[in-house]
Amino acid sequence: MDLKKEILEIGKKAKEASYDLALLDTAIKNEALGKAAENIKKKSKEIIAANKIDLAKAKQKKLASSLIDRLLLDNNRINSIVDGILEIIKLDDPVKKILSEWERPNGLLIQKVSVPLGVIGVIYESRPNVAADAAALCLKSSNATILRGGSESFYSSTKIIEIINESYKECKLPLGTLQTIPTINRDAVGILLGMDKYVDVFVPRGGRSLIERVINESRVPVFRHLDGICHTYVQKSSEIKEAAKIVVNAKMRRPGICGATETLLIDQEILDTHLPEIIKLLKQKNCDIIGDEAVCKYDKSIIKATEKDWSTEYLDSIISIKTIQKGVIEAVNHINKYGSGHTDSIISSDKISVDFFLDKVDSGIVMHNTSTQFADGGEFGMGAEIGISTSKLHARGPVGVSQLTSFKYKVRGNGQIRP
């Protein structure tokens, strides 16, 4: 069978499965998810062995350290995958819910009811945990799933999907509930993106080039985000130690994730009091610092910023720092100009500034006095996420089980005809 026919067959199976999944009882879905979590835990050594093959290949290709960090699976990360699935089990079933209902003067009863999206295609690169997160979220929301992982995580993802599918088979889920494109051939992505007859939405997870390709070539809607250019704004009313602690965490906890702060904005009035402490703690974590002219005066090792730096997603131990001379209005304008609509935070004890920031920053997630690294579905109590959407249509911010549903109208009558 040639590649196109093989992928079309996968699409057909997914579409057929989606109709049965829409009717699946919550108890059956939770049983299957519980079995998947149990088997992933039980077979963690097999997953780690597969992951070592991917890591070896990544190092041979000399991939960036941030990409290798995303790729790595160890016992702690596998336990996190398992915990994420167990949290999804605890969530309310998002389908078959009556969202609203009303009766018309002619006696028609109209109900707005939540339903699955249908078939979700997930195209990702170097994070094998995406396979488990996507599979679990899609099943909980009664969607069929087609996964296409990149070459970087091929062996890890294949093993995880194999284990989950074994679990689903034990629970007699519909054939085609979870499928993967079994090749690293890049042509497969183009074929998949053209399957508007079978796929209802795509979720791309990876670098800018992958996401741009999906946006440009897809014939169906896309939950998208191109960049995670996140900001932390340290406003003049902030407390020094709290601000420094939050900034360092926002940048350095995991510099390679999309919720990592890339640009620090700081009020001119507190450069002398706050900036030295922030610089000291960042340098202790081996973070390279790029700054404007005022910032460069505080340390000879700071590199002079260019215009390009304000719109750069480093995904590494690098941060750019800009001085804010005109307060929260200037900070908000900078974020709305250079940001990517992902996640931005203000550190402040001034209520007026905080409210203005939270209202005016045009991002999917806006925060106050906390780290941008909390931009995560698990941290939001969603169990896990299939991605962070910077779109404004349908889903925005962490995409969890509720965001993987749509709705239909059920209209009940007793013989009415329209005059």
Protein backbone atom coordinates (compact mmCIF):
# COMPACT_ATOMS: atom_id res chain seq x y z
CA MET A 1 0.00 0.00 0.00
CA ASP A 2 1.45 3.41 -0.93
CA LEU A 3 1.79 6.18 1.64
CA LYS A 4 -1.26 8.20 0.59
CA LYS A 5 -3.56 5.17 0.63
CA GLU A 6 -2.20 4.13 4.02
CA ILE A 7 -2.85 7.55 5.55
CA LEU A 8 -6.31 7.78 3.97
CA GLU A 9 -7.14 4.40 5.51
CA ILE A 10 -6.06 5.74 8.90
CA GLY A 11 -8.36 8.72 8.39
CA LYS A 12 -11.32 6.50 7.48
CA LYS A 13 -10.82 4.33 10.57
CA ALA A 14 -10.60 7.43 12.78
CA LYS A 15 -13.79 8.89 11.34
CA GLU A 16 -15.69 5.64 11.82
CA ALA A 17 -14.42 5.35 15.38
CA SER A 18 -15.43 8.94 16.15
CA TYR A 19 -19.13 8.14 15.75
CA ASP A 20 -18.95 5.33 18.32
CA LEU A 21 -16.72 7.34 20.66
CA ALA A 22 -19.33 10.11 20.81
CA LEU A 23 -21.68 7.65 22.54
CA LEU A 24 -19.13 6.06 24.86
CA ASP A 25 -19.98 5.99 28.58
CA THR A 26 -17.74 7.92 30.96
CA ALA A 27 -17.01 4.77 32.98
CA ILE A 28 -15.60 2.96 29.92
CA LYS A 29 -13.39 5.91 28.98
CA ASN A 30 -12.07 6.18 32.53
CA GLU A 31 -11.40 2.45 32.68
CA ALA A 32 -9.36 2.62 29.48
CA LEU A 33 -7.41 5.64 30.73
CA GLY A 34 -6.73 3.92 34.05
CA LYS A 35 -5.43 0.86 32.23
CA ALA A 36 -3.20 3.06 30.05
CA ALA A 37 -1.73 4.81 33.11
CA GLU A 38 -1.12 1.46 34.80
CA ASN A 39 0.63 -0.01 31.75
CA ILE A 40 2.78 3.08 31.12
CA LYS A 41 3.97 2.86 34.73
CA LYS A 42 4.51 -0.90 34.47
CA LYS A 43 6.47 -0.61 31.21
CA SER A 44 8.48 2.49 32.04
CA LYS A 45 11.77 0.66 31.41
CA GLU A 46 10.69 -0.11 27.85
CA ILE A 47 9.80 3.55 27.29
CA ILE A 48 13.14 4.76 28.70
CA ALA A 49 15.01 2.25 26.50
CA ALA A 50 13.21 3.57 23.41
CA ASN A 51 13.89 7.13 24.55
CA LYS A 52 17.62 6.43 24.80
CA ILE A 53 17.64 5.61 21.07
CA ASP A 54 16.00 8.96 20.31
CA LEU A 55 18.41 10.80 22.64
CA ALA A 56 21.44 9.19 21.01
CA LYS A 57 20.24 10.22 17.55
CA ALA A 58 19.48 13.74 18.78
CA LYS A 59 23.01 14.12 20.16
CA GLN A 60 24.48 12.81 16.91
CA LYS A 61 22.51 15.50 15.07
CA LYS A 62 23.78 18.06 17.64
CA LEU A 63 20.31 19.32 18.44
CA ALA A 64 20.02 22.28 20.81
CA SER A 65 20.10 21.49 24.52
CA SER A 66 16.56 22.86 24.89
CA LEU A 67 15.28 20.32 22.32
CA ILE A 68 17.12 17.47 24.01
CA ASP A 69 15.57 18.52 27.32
CA ARG A 70 12.09 18.37 25.74
CA LEU A 71 12.89 14.93 24.35
CA LEU A 72 14.23 13.39 27.57
CA LEU A 73 12.12 10.84 29.44
CA ASP A 74 13.16 9.55 32.86
CA ASN A 75 11.25 7.99 35.74
CA ASN A 76 10.14 11.38 37.06
CA ARG A 77 8.76 12.48 33.70
CA ILE A 78 7.05 9.16 33.10
CA ASN A 79 5.48 9.47 36.56
CA SER A 80 4.28 12.94 35.51
CA ILE A 81 2.70 11.44 32.38
CA VAL A 82 0.93 8.86 34.53
CA ASP A 83 -0.19 11.49 37.03
CA GLY A 84 -1.53 13.61 34.17
CA ILE A 85 -3.66 10.73 32.90
CA LEU A 86 -4.95 10.01 36.42
CA GLU A 87 -5.91 13.68 36.80
CA ILE A 88 -7.81 13.53 33.48
CA ILE A 89 -9.78 10.57 34.81
CA LYS A 90 -10.96 12.73 37.73
CA LEU A 91 -12.28 15.47 35.44
CA ASP A 92 -15.95 15.74 34.58
CA ASP A 93 -16.90 14.26 31.23
CA PRO A 94 -17.14 17.31 28.93
CA VAL A 95 -19.57 15.76 26.41
CA LYS A 96 -23.35 15.23 26.52
CA LYS A 97 -23.70 18.24 28.82
CA ILE A 98 -26.74 20.49 28.44
CA LEU A 99 -25.05 23.86 28.19
CA SER A 100 -28.31 25.79 28.04
CA GLU A 101 -31.96 25.18 27.22
CA TRP A 102 -35.06 27.25 26.62
CA GLU A 103 -38.63 26.90 25.42
CA ARG A 104 -40.05 28.96 22.58
CA PRO A 105 -43.60 30.45 22.64
CA ASN A 106 -44.68 27.78 20.14
CA GLY A 107 -43.70 25.02 22.56
CA LEU A 108 -40.38 23.96 20.93
CA LEU A 109 -37.77 22.95 23.53
CA ILE A 110 -34.24 23.84 22.40
CA GLN A 111 -31.16 22.42 24.08
CA LYS A 112 -27.52 23.35 23.42
CA VAL A 113 -25.53 20.16 24.11
CA SER A 114 -21.74 19.60 24.16
CA VAL A 115 -20.35 17.11 21.62
CA PRO A 116 -16.86 15.94 20.60
CA LEU A 117 -15.03 17.69 17.79
CA GLY A 118 -14.67 14.30 16.05
CA VAL A 119 -11.17 13.48 14.75
CA ILE A 120 -8.18 15.42 16.06
CA GLY A 121 -4.84 15.33 14.28
CA VAL A 122 -1.84 16.10 16.48
CA ILE A 123 1.45 16.87 14.70
CA TYR A 124 4.41 17.27 17.04
CA GLU A 125 8.19 17.12 17.12
CA SER A 126 10.46 16.46 20.06
CA ARG A 127 8.17 15.97 23.07
CA PRO A 128 7.09 12.31 23.35
CA ASN A 129 4.87 13.07 26.35
CA VAL A 130 2.56 14.81 23.85
CA ALA A 131 1.54 11.35 22.61
CA ALA A 132 0.19 10.33 26.02
CA ASP A 133 -1.33 13.72 26.85
CA ALA A 134 -3.11 13.94 23.50
CA ALA A 135 -4.36 10.36 23.60
CA ALA A 136 -5.80 10.79 27.09
CA LEU A 137 -7.38 14.20 26.51
CA CYS A 138 -8.93 13.13 23.22
CA LEU A 139 -10.41 9.95 24.68
CA LYS A 140 -11.84 11.78 27.71
CA SER A 141 -13.54 14.20 25.31
CA SER A 142 -14.69 11.28 23.09
CA ASN A 143 -12.54 12.25 20.10
CA ALA A 144 -10.59 9.93 17.81
CA THR A 145 -6.89 10.78 17.55
CA ILE A 146 -4.32 10.65 14.76
CA LEU A 147 -0.79 11.30 15.99
CA ARG A 148 2.17 12.22 13.81
CA GLY A 149 5.38 12.57 15.82
CA GLY A 150 8.63 13.89 14.42
CA SER A 151 11.77 11.91 13.76
CA GLU A 152 13.31 13.24 17.00
CA SER A 153 10.83 11.37 19.22
CA PHE A 154 9.92 8.51 16.87
CA TYR A 155 10.97 5.55 19.03
CA SER A 156 9.74 7.03 22.33
CA SER A 157 6.37 8.04 20.87
CA THR A 158 5.88 4.74 19.07
CA LYS A 159 6.42 2.80 22.30
CA ILE A 160 4.05 5.02 24.30
CA ILE A 161 1.32 4.76 21.65
CA GLU A 162 1.80 0.99 21.43
CA ILE A 163 1.29 0.65 25.20
CA ILE A 164 -1.78 2.89 25.21
CA ASN A 165 -3.33 1.02 22.28
CA GLU A 166 -2.79 -2.29 24.04
CA SER A 167 -4.68 -0.81 26.99
CA TYR A 168 -7.50 0.45 24.77
CA LYS A 169 -7.77 -2.98 23.13
CA GLU A 170 -8.16 -4.62 26.55
CA CYS A 171 -11.10 -2.30 27.19
CA LYS A 172 -12.58 -2.97 23.74
CA LEU A 173 -12.57 0.60 22.52
CA PRO A 174 -13.53 1.18 18.86
CA LEU A 175 -10.87 0.29 16.29
CA GLY A 176 -9.30 3.55 15.15
CA THR A 177 -9.66 5.38 18.48
CA LEU A 178 -5.92 6.11 18.59
CA GLN A 179 -3.67 5.85 15.55
CA THR A 180 -0.25 7.05 14.53
CA ILE A 181 1.33 7.79 11.16
CA PRO A 182 4.03 5.07 11.13
CA THR A 183 6.71 6.93 9.19
CA ILE A 184 9.08 9.87 9.51
CA ASN A 185 8.62 10.66 5.82
CA ARG A 186 7.83 14.41 5.67
CA ASP A 187 5.42 13.82 2.78
CA ALA A 188 3.08 12.20 5.29
CA VAL A 189 2.40 15.58 6.92
CA GLY A 190 1.23 17.10 3.64
CA ILE A 191 -1.10 14.17 2.96
CA LEU A 192 -2.52 14.35 6.48
CA LEU A 193 -3.12 18.11 6.28
CA GLY A 194 -5.24 17.61 3.18
CA MET A 195 -7.62 15.13 4.80
CA ASP A 196 -10.50 17.53 5.44
CA LYS A 197 -12.93 14.69 4.77
CA TYR A 198 -11.75 12.82 7.86
CA VAL A 199 -9.98 15.25 10.24
CA ASP A 200 -11.88 18.01 12.08
CA VAL A 201 -9.02 19.98 13.67
CA PHE A 202 -5.22 19.93 13.81
CA VAL A 203 -3.03 20.70 16.80
CA PRO A 204 0.63 21.40 15.91
CA ARG A 205 3.24 21.13 18.68
CA GLY A 206 6.78 22.09 17.76
CA GLY A 207 8.98 24.75 16.24
CA ARG A 208 7.92 27.72 14.19
CA SER A 209 8.59 26.06 10.83
CA LEU A 210 6.33 23.11 11.65
CA ILE A 211 3.51 25.32 12.93
CA GLU A 212 3.74 27.66 9.95
CA ARG A 213 3.53 24.68 7.61
CA VAL A 214 0.44 23.34 9.35
CA ILE A 215 -1.25 26.76 9.30
CA ASN A 216 -0.43 27.31 5.64
CA GLU A 217 -1.29 23.84 4.31
CA SER A 218 -4.14 22.64 6.51
CA ARG A 219 -7.59 22.45 4.97
CA VAL A 220 -9.24 22.26 8.40
CA PRO A 221 -9.11 24.55 11.49
CA VAL A 222 -5.88 24.68 13.52
CA PHE A 223 -5.33 25.29 17.24
CA ARG A 224 -2.22 27.36 16.84
CA HIS A 225 0.59 29.16 18.50
CA LEU A 226 3.71 30.20 16.62
CA ASP A 227 5.88 31.47 19.47
CA GLY A 228 5.97 31.74 23.22
CA ILE A 229 7.40 35.25 23.54
CA CYS A 230 6.40 35.68 27.18
CA HIS A 231 7.07 38.74 29.35
CA THR A 232 7.43 39.46 33.03
CA TYR A 233 6.92 43.12 33.96
CA VAL A 234 8.43 44.20 37.29
CA GLN A 235 6.46 47.30 38.26
CA LYS A 236 7.86 49.89 40.66
CA SER A 237 5.60 48.88 43.57
CA SER A 238 6.99 45.31 43.64
CA GLU A 239 9.03 43.88 46.51
CA ILE A 240 12.67 43.15 45.56
CA LYS A 241 13.10 39.56 46.75
CA GLU A 242 9.70 38.40 45.53
CA ALA A 243 10.26 39.98 42.11
CA ALA A 244 13.72 38.45 41.73
CA LYS A 245 12.51 35.00 42.80
CA ILE A 246 9.62 35.05 40.31
CA VAL A 247 11.74 36.35 37.42
CA VAL A 248 14.41 33.66 37.88
CA ASN A 249 11.80 30.92 38.04
CA ALA A 250 9.94 32.31 35.03
CA LYS A 251 13.11 32.21 32.95
CA MET A 252 15.23 29.39 34.34
CA ARG A 253 12.98 26.65 35.74
CA ARG A 254 12.82 25.19 32.23
CA PRO A 255 14.15 27.70 29.69
CA GLY A 256 13.10 25.57 26.70
CA ILE A 257 9.34 25.53 27.24
CA CYS A 258 6.92 27.93 25.56
CA GLY A 259 5.86 29.43 28.91
CA ALA A 260 9.38 30.57 29.80
CA THR A 261 9.80 34.34 30.11
CA GLU A 262 11.93 35.68 27.26
CA THR A 263 11.81 39.42 28.02
CA LEU A 264 11.91 41.15 31.39
CA LEU A 265 10.41 44.64 31.55
CA ILE A 266 11.36 46.76 34.56
CA ASP A 267 10.40 50.26 35.65
CA GLN A 268 13.17 52.86 35.47
CA GLU A 269 12.50 53.98 39.05
CA ILE A 270 13.61 50.62 40.50
CA LEU A 271 16.66 49.85 38.38
CA ASP A 272 19.05 50.65 41.23
CA THR A 273 17.08 48.71 43.85
CA HIS A 274 15.76 45.65 41.98
CA LEU A 275 17.94 45.02 38.94
CA PRO A 276 21.25 44.14 40.68
CA GLU A 277 19.54 41.36 42.67
CA ILE A 278 17.79 40.01 39.56
CA ILE A 279 21.04 40.06 37.55
CA LYS A 280 22.95 38.34 40.35
CA LEU A 281 20.45 35.48 40.64
CA LEU A 282 20.19 35.03 36.87
CA LYS A 283 23.98 34.85 36.54
CA GLN A 284 24.12 32.26 39.32
CA LYS A 285 21.90 30.13 37.08
CA ASN A 286 24.25 30.73 34.11
CA CYS A 287 21.70 32.81 32.23
CA ASP A 288 23.04 35.10 29.51
CA ILE A 289 21.61 38.61 29.70
CA ILE A 290 20.84 41.01 26.86
CA GLY A 291 19.75 44.52 27.78
CA ASP A 292 19.09 48.05 26.62
CA GLU A 293 21.56 50.86 27.28
CA ALA A 294 20.36 51.54 30.83
CA VAL A 295 20.53 47.85 31.76
CA CYS A 296 24.03 47.35 30.31
CA LYS A 297 25.43 49.82 32.84
CA TYR A 298 24.80 47.36 35.68
CA ASP A 299 27.13 44.59 34.46
CA LYS A 300 29.91 44.48 31.87
CA SER A 301 28.87 40.99 30.73
CA ILE A 302 25.43 42.17 29.53
CA ILE A 303 25.14 42.24 25.74
CA LYS A 304 23.56 45.30 24.10
CA ALA A 305 20.05 44.50 22.84
CA THR A 306 18.89 45.07 19.29
CA GLU A 307 15.35 45.58 18.01
CA LYS A 308 15.24 41.90 17.03
CA ASP A 309 15.70 40.77 20.64
CA TRP A 310 12.30 42.11 21.71
CA SER A 311 10.59 39.67 19.32
CA THR A 312 12.89 36.66 19.85
CA GLU A 313 11.89 33.40 21.51
CA TYR A 314 15.23 32.15 22.83
CA LEU A 315 14.07 28.80 24.28
CA ASP A 316 17.39 28.80 26.10
CA SER A 317 19.19 30.31 29.09
CA ILE A 318 19.02 33.81 27.62
CA ILE A 319 16.85 36.75 28.67
CA SER A 320 16.43 40.25 27.26
CA ILE A 321 15.78 43.14 29.68
CA LYS A 322 14.14 46.43 28.73
CA THR A 323 13.72 49.55 30.84
CA ILE A 324 10.19 50.95 31.09
CA GLN A 325 10.16 54.74 31.47
CA LYS A 326 6.44 55.52 31.37
CA GLY A 327 4.90 52.87 33.58
CA VAL A 328 2.31 50.21 32.93
CA ILE A 329 0.91 51.80 29.75
CA GLU A 330 4.33 51.56 28.05
CA ALA A 331 4.81 48.00 29.32
CA VAL A 332 1.43 46.90 27.95
CA ASN A 333 2.09 48.58 24.61
CA HIS A 334 5.46 46.84 24.35
CA ILE A 335 3.92 43.44 25.09
CA ASN A 336 1.08 43.91 22.62
CA LYS A 337 3.59 44.97 19.94
CA TYR A 338 6.30 42.34 20.43
CA GLY A 339 4.56 39.51 22.28
CA SER A 340 2.99 36.42 20.76
CA GLY A 341 -0.27 36.40 22.72
CA HIS A 342 0.87 33.48 24.89
CA THR A 343 1.54 34.38 28.55
CA ASP A 344 2.55 37.61 30.30
CA SER A 345 2.90 38.47 33.98
CA ILE A 346 3.05 41.63 36.12
CA ILE A 347 4.83 41.75 39.50
CA SER A 348 3.19 44.57 41.41
CA SER A 349 1.30 45.56 44.56
CA ASP A 350 -0.46 48.48 42.86
CA LYS A 351 -4.08 47.46 42.16
CA ILE A 352 -4.67 50.05 39.45
CA SER A 353 -1.58 48.95 37.50
CA VAL A 354 -2.44 45.28 37.94
CA ASP A 355 -6.03 45.69 36.76
CA PHE A 356 -4.91 47.74 33.76
CA PHE A 357 -2.31 45.11 32.83
CA LEU A 358 -4.68 42.16 33.16
CA ASP A 359 -7.38 43.93 31.15
CA LYS A 360 -5.22 45.44 28.39
CA VAL A 361 -2.58 42.79 27.60
CA ASP A 362 -3.92 40.89 24.59
CA SER A 363 -2.70 37.39 25.51
CA GLY A 364 -4.37 34.07 26.17
CA ILE A 365 -2.94 33.99 29.71
CA VAL A 366 -2.26 37.06 31.86
CA MET A 367 -0.82 36.72 35.36
CA HIS A 368 -0.19 38.70 38.52
CA ASN A 369 2.63 38.07 41.01
CA THR A 370 3.50 34.64 39.69
CA SER A 371 5.75 32.84 37.22
CA THR A 372 4.86 32.47 33.55
CA GLN A 373 5.96 28.84 33.88
CA PHE A 374 2.50 28.14 35.32
CA ALA A 375 1.17 28.41 31.74
CA ASP A 376 0.30 24.74 31.69
CA GLY A 377 -2.95 22.79 31.56
CA GLY A 378 -1.90 20.57 34.46
CA GLU A 379 -1.20 23.61 36.63
CA PHE A 380 -4.63 24.98 35.66
CA GLY A 381 -6.29 21.83 37.01
CA MET A 382 -7.02 20.48 33.53
CA GLY A 383 -5.06 17.26 34.12
CA ALA A 384 -2.96 17.97 31.04
CA GLU A 385 -3.15 19.99 27.87
CA ILE A 386 -2.97 19.25 24.19
CA GLY A 387 -1.29 22.62 23.65
CA ILE A 388 -1.48 26.33 24.36
CA SER A 389 -3.60 28.15 21.80
CA THR A 390 -2.97 31.78 20.93
CA SER A 391 -5.94 31.80 18.57
CA LYS A 392 -9.06 33.70 19.56
CA LEU A 393 -11.57 31.41 17.87
CA HIS A 394 -12.94 28.41 19.79
CA ALA A 395 -10.04 27.78 22.17
CA ARG A 396 -7.50 30.12 23.78
CA GLY A 397 -4.81 29.37 26.35
CA PRO A 398 -4.39 25.78 27.61
CA VAL A 399 -6.42 23.37 25.48
CA GLY A 400 -7.87 20.75 27.82
CA VAL A 401 -10.82 18.38 27.59
CA SER A 402 -13.49 21.08 27.59
CA GLN A 403 -11.81 22.91 24.70
CA LEU A 404 -11.87 19.69 22.64
CA THR A 405 -15.65 19.83 22.35
CA SER A 406 -18.15 21.72 20.24
CA PHE A 407 -21.94 21.70 20.56
CA LYS A 408 -25.12 20.88 18.71
CA TYR A 409 -28.71 22.03 19.16
CA LYS A 410 -31.37 19.48 20.00
CA VAL A 411 -34.85 20.71 19.20
CA ARG A 412 -37.84 18.80 20.62
CA GLY A 413 -41.35 19.45 19.40
CA ASN A 414 -44.84 17.92 19.60
CA GLY A 415 -46.08 18.39 16.07
CA GLN A 416 -45.32 22.07 15.42
CA ILE A 417 -45.12 23.25 11.81
CA ARG A 418 -43.79 26.62 10.70
CA PRO A 419 -46.47 28.95 9.30
